[in-house]
Structure formats: structure tokens, C-alpha cells
Amino acid sequence: MAVGFGGGGALGKLTEGTEETETTPTTTTASGTTSSESKSSSTVVVLVVGAAVVLLIGIASMIVRDARRVAPASAAEMIEADSSRTSAAAMRRRRAKAKAARAQRKRNR
């Protein structure tokens, strides 16, 4: 069951050492068209990169603006809330609001 390399079949076709010469036609291009093509392609690349940067900046600004609008509190509100937490007047207001909320829930049963 030994198969030789020179035998028939698909393996034989692959291992055959046929030498074929191919001729390729030579074409000449004008030097003026190549430089304008490279210049226009680099201009297109610069425009595409610039458009991508502008798009990314626009998306980032929309995300940041929306996040600030939905944020629970600003820095000033956080400072104010921290200082009013410890005062007795703030505790009285908080208890009064809680009492009013309980009364409201009782009325709506």
C-alpha cells in the first residue's frame, strides 16, 4: 500500500515539477497621475479622520451633558445637605415632612 510521489491522482499532480513560464505584459503609467492620486487619497484620509474626531467629541459631549442633567446632586447641594444634616432645625423639618407623608398615606388608604 505504498504510494509513490510520482504516481497518479491528486498527490501526483501536486508533486509534479512542471516548469511553466508566464509572460506578463508591462504597462507604463504617467508620473503626473500617481502624485495627484496620492495627494487626493491623503486629503480624503485627513477629512475622514477629522470627521471621526468631530463625531466622537459630539457624542462625548452629549453623554456628559445628559449625565450632569440626571445626576442626583451637584457639589453645592452635597455641601448644603452635609451641613444641614447635623443642625437641629433640619431634623425638625425632616420629621415634619415624614409626619406629613405618613398622614397623607393614611388618608389615601
C-alpha atoms as a PDB file:
ATOM      1  CA  MET A   1       0.000   0.000   0.000  1.00  0.00           C
ATOM      2  CA  ALA A   2       2.902   2.302  -0.516  1.00  0.00           C
ATOM      3  CA  VAL A   3       2.130   5.260  -2.734  1.00  0.00           C
ATOM      4  CA  GLY A   4       4.935   6.823  -4.704  1.00  0.00           C
ATOM      5  CA  PHE A   5       5.314  10.551  -5.175  1.00  0.00           C
ATOM      6  CA  GLY A   6       5.370  10.229  -8.951  1.00  0.00           C
ATOM      7  CA  GLY A   7       2.084   8.304  -9.054  1.00  0.00           C
ATOM      8  CA  GLY A   8      -1.246   9.438 -10.448  1.00  0.00           C
ATOM      9  CA  GLY A   9      -4.058  11.123  -8.624  1.00  0.00           C
ATOM     10  CA  ALA A  10      -4.229  14.454  -6.867  1.00  0.00           C
ATOM     11  CA  LEU A  11      -0.997  13.947  -4.972  1.00  0.00           C
ATOM     12  CA  GLY A  12       0.846  13.218  -8.173  1.00  0.00           C
ATOM     13  CA  LYS A  13      -0.355  16.451  -9.734  1.00  0.00           C
ATOM     14  CA  LEU A  14       0.798  18.479  -6.770  1.00  0.00           C
ATOM     15  CA  THR A  15       4.240  16.958  -6.618  1.00  0.00           C
ATOM     16  CA  GLU A  16       4.949  17.109 -10.335  1.00  0.00           C
ATOM     17  CA  GLY A  17       7.644  19.606 -11.074  1.00  0.00           C
ATOM     18  CA  THR A  18       6.330  21.236 -14.218  1.00  0.00           C
ATOM     19  CA  GLU A  19       8.032  24.401 -15.231  1.00  0.00           C
ATOM     20  CA  GLU A  20       5.827  26.882 -16.953  1.00  0.00           C
ATOM     21  CA  THR A  21       6.936  30.279 -17.992  1.00  0.00           C
ATOM     22  CA  GLU A  22       4.384  33.026 -17.861  1.00  0.00           C
ATOM     23  CA  THR A  23       4.771  36.289 -19.634  1.00  0.00           C
ATOM     24  CA  THR A  24       3.403  39.402 -18.021  1.00  0.00           C
ATOM     25  CA  PRO A  25       2.722  42.467 -20.096  1.00  0.00           C
ATOM     26  CA  THR A  26       4.400  45.593 -18.848  1.00  0.00           C
ATOM     27  CA  THR A  27       2.367  48.746 -18.509  1.00  0.00           C
ATOM     28  CA  THR A  28       3.639  52.239 -18.072  1.00  0.00           C
ATOM     29  CA  THR A  29       1.849  54.890 -16.061  1.00  0.00           C
ATOM     30  CA  ALA A  30       2.237  58.586 -16.212  1.00  0.00           C
ATOM     31  CA  SER A  31       4.010  60.081 -13.208  1.00  0.00           C
ATOM     32  CA  GLY A  32       1.579  63.017 -13.019  1.00  0.00           C
ATOM     33  CA  THR A  33      -1.461  60.863 -12.243  1.00  0.00           C
ATOM     34  CA  THR A  34       0.223  58.970  -9.410  1.00  0.00           C
ATOM     35  CA  SER A  35       1.136  62.064  -7.446  1.00  0.00           C
ATOM     36  CA  SER A  36      -2.357  63.543  -7.772  1.00  0.00           C
ATOM     37  CA  GLU A  37      -3.915  60.247  -6.713  1.00  0.00           C
ATOM     38  CA  SER A  38      -1.757  60.048  -3.592  1.00  0.00           C
ATOM     39  CA  LYS A  39      -2.495  63.677  -2.774  1.00  0.00           C
ATOM     40  CA  SER A  40      -6.240  63.192  -3.144  1.00  0.00           C
ATOM     41  CA  SER A  41      -6.193  59.975  -1.133  1.00  0.00           C
ATOM     42  CA  SER A  42      -4.273  61.628   1.704  1.00  0.00           C
ATOM     43  CA  THR A  43      -6.774  64.514   1.649  1.00  0.00           C
ATOM     44  CA  VAL A  44      -9.628  62.041   1.907  1.00  0.00           C
ATOM     45  CA  VAL A  45      -7.934  60.273   4.814  1.00  0.00           C
ATOM     46  CA  VAL A  46      -7.429  63.571   6.645  1.00  0.00           C
ATOM     47  CA  LEU A  47     -11.085  64.535   6.091  1.00  0.00           C
ATOM     48  CA  VAL A  48     -12.341  61.152   7.302  1.00  0.00           C
ATOM     49  CA  VAL A  49     -10.164  61.290  10.429  1.00  0.00           C
ATOM     50  CA  GLY A  50     -11.313  64.856  11.123  1.00  0.00           C
ATOM     51  CA  ALA A  51     -14.968  63.873  10.726  1.00  0.00           C
ATOM     52  CA  ALA A  52     -14.466  60.903  13.059  1.00  0.00           C
ATOM     53  CA  VAL A  53     -12.870  63.129  15.716  1.00  0.00           C
ATOM     54  CA  VAL A  54     -15.702  65.669  15.467  1.00  0.00           C
ATOM     55  CA  LEU A  55     -18.267  62.868  15.731  1.00  0.00           C
ATOM     56  CA  LEU A  56     -16.595  61.363  18.809  1.00  0.00           C
ATOM     57  CA  ILE A  57     -16.364  64.763  20.512  1.00  0.00           C
ATOM     58  CA  GLY A  58     -20.040  65.378  19.790  1.00  0.00           C
ATOM     59  CA  ILE A  59     -21.064  62.020  21.226  1.00  0.00           C
ATOM     60  CA  ALA A  60     -18.898  62.544  24.325  1.00  0.00           C
ATOM     61  CA  SER A  61     -20.365  65.997  24.963  1.00  0.00           C
ATOM     62  CA  MET A  62     -23.915  64.642  24.665  1.00  0.00           C
ATOM     63  CA  ILE A  63     -23.145  61.857  27.146  1.00  0.00           C
ATOM     64  CA  VAL A  64     -21.548  64.238  29.649  1.00  0.00           C
ATOM     65  CA  ARG A  65     -24.393  66.758  29.332  1.00  0.00           C
ATOM     66  CA  ASP A  66     -27.012  64.066  29.885  1.00  0.00           C
ATOM     67  CA  ALA A  67     -25.101  62.616  32.842  1.00  0.00           C
ATOM     68  CA  ARG A  68     -24.894  66.014  34.517  1.00  0.00           C
ATOM     69  CA  ARG A  69     -28.586  66.647  33.972  1.00  0.00           C
ATOM     70  CA  VAL A  70     -29.614  63.323  35.508  1.00  0.00           C
ATOM     71  CA  ALA A  71     -27.043  63.400  38.331  1.00  0.00           C
ATOM     72  CA  PRO A  72     -28.616  63.240  41.799  1.00  0.00           C
ATOM     73  CA  ALA A  73     -26.975  66.360  43.204  1.00  0.00           C
ATOM     74  CA  SER A  74     -24.372  68.973  42.434  1.00  0.00           C
ATOM     75  CA  ALA A  75     -21.368  69.738  44.600  1.00  0.00           C
ATOM     76  CA  ALA A  76     -23.118  72.744  46.187  1.00  0.00           C
ATOM     77  CA  GLU A  77     -26.158  70.646  47.061  1.00  0.00           C
ATOM     78  CA  MET A  78     -23.949  67.971  48.590  1.00  0.00           C
ATOM     79  CA  ILE A  79     -22.182  70.537  50.806  1.00  0.00           C
ATOM     80  CA  GLU A  80     -25.510  72.060  51.816  1.00  0.00           C
ATOM     81  CA  ALA A  81     -27.003  68.663  52.615  1.00  0.00           C
ATOM     82  CA  ASP A  82     -23.971  67.697  54.696  1.00  0.00           C
ATOM     83  CA  SER A  83     -24.129  70.821  56.844  1.00  0.00           C
ATOM     84  CA  SER A  84     -27.918  70.694  57.311  1.00  0.00           C
ATOM     85  CA  ARG A  85     -27.809  67.093  58.436  1.00  0.00           C
ATOM     86  CA  THR A  86     -26.339  67.959  61.773  1.00  0.00           C
ATOM     87  CA  SER A  87     -28.472  71.004  62.591  1.00  0.00           C
ATOM     88  CA  ALA A  88     -31.491  70.666  64.848  1.00  0.00           C
ATOM     89  CA  ALA A  89     -33.673  72.776  62.552  1.00  0.00           C
ATOM     90  CA  ALA A  90     -33.050  70.411  59.662  1.00  0.00           C
ATOM     91  CA  MET A  91     -34.017  67.452  61.846  1.00  0.00           C
ATOM     92  CA  ARG A  92     -37.291  69.194  62.803  1.00  0.00           C
ATOM     93  CA  ARG A  93     -38.091  69.857  59.131  1.00  0.00           C
ATOM     94  CA  ARG A  94     -37.284  66.273  58.240  1.00  0.00           C
ATOM     95  CA  ARG A  95     -39.503  64.900  60.982  1.00  0.00           C
ATOM     96  CA  ALA A  96     -42.312  67.239  59.972  1.00  0.00           C
ATOM     97  CA  LYS A  97     -42.089  66.071  56.359  1.00  0.00           C
ATOM     98  CA  ALA A  98     -42.123  62.435  57.456  1.00  0.00           C
ATOM     99  CA  LYS A  99     -45.163  63.062  59.679  1.00  0.00           C
ATOM    100  CA  ALA A 100     -46.999  64.767  56.802  1.00  0.00           C
ATOM    101  CA  ALA A 101     -46.142  61.884  54.482  1.00  0.00           C
ATOM    102  CA  ARG A 102     -47.500  59.337  56.974  1.00  0.00           C
ATOM    103  CA  ALA A 103     -50.709  61.321  57.329  1.00  0.00           C
ATOM    104  CA  GLN A 104     -51.035  61.502  53.546  1.00  0.00           C
ATOM    105  CA  ARG A 105     -50.607  57.728  53.233  1.00  0.00           C
ATOM    106  CA  LYS A 106     -53.282  57.170  55.900  1.00  0.00           C
ATOM    107  CA  ARG A 107     -55.729  59.396  54.005  1.00  0.00           C
ATOM    108  CA  ASN A 108     -55.140  57.546  50.748  1.00  0.00           C
ATOM    109  CA  ARG A 109     -55.867  54.061  52.059  1.00  0.00           C
END
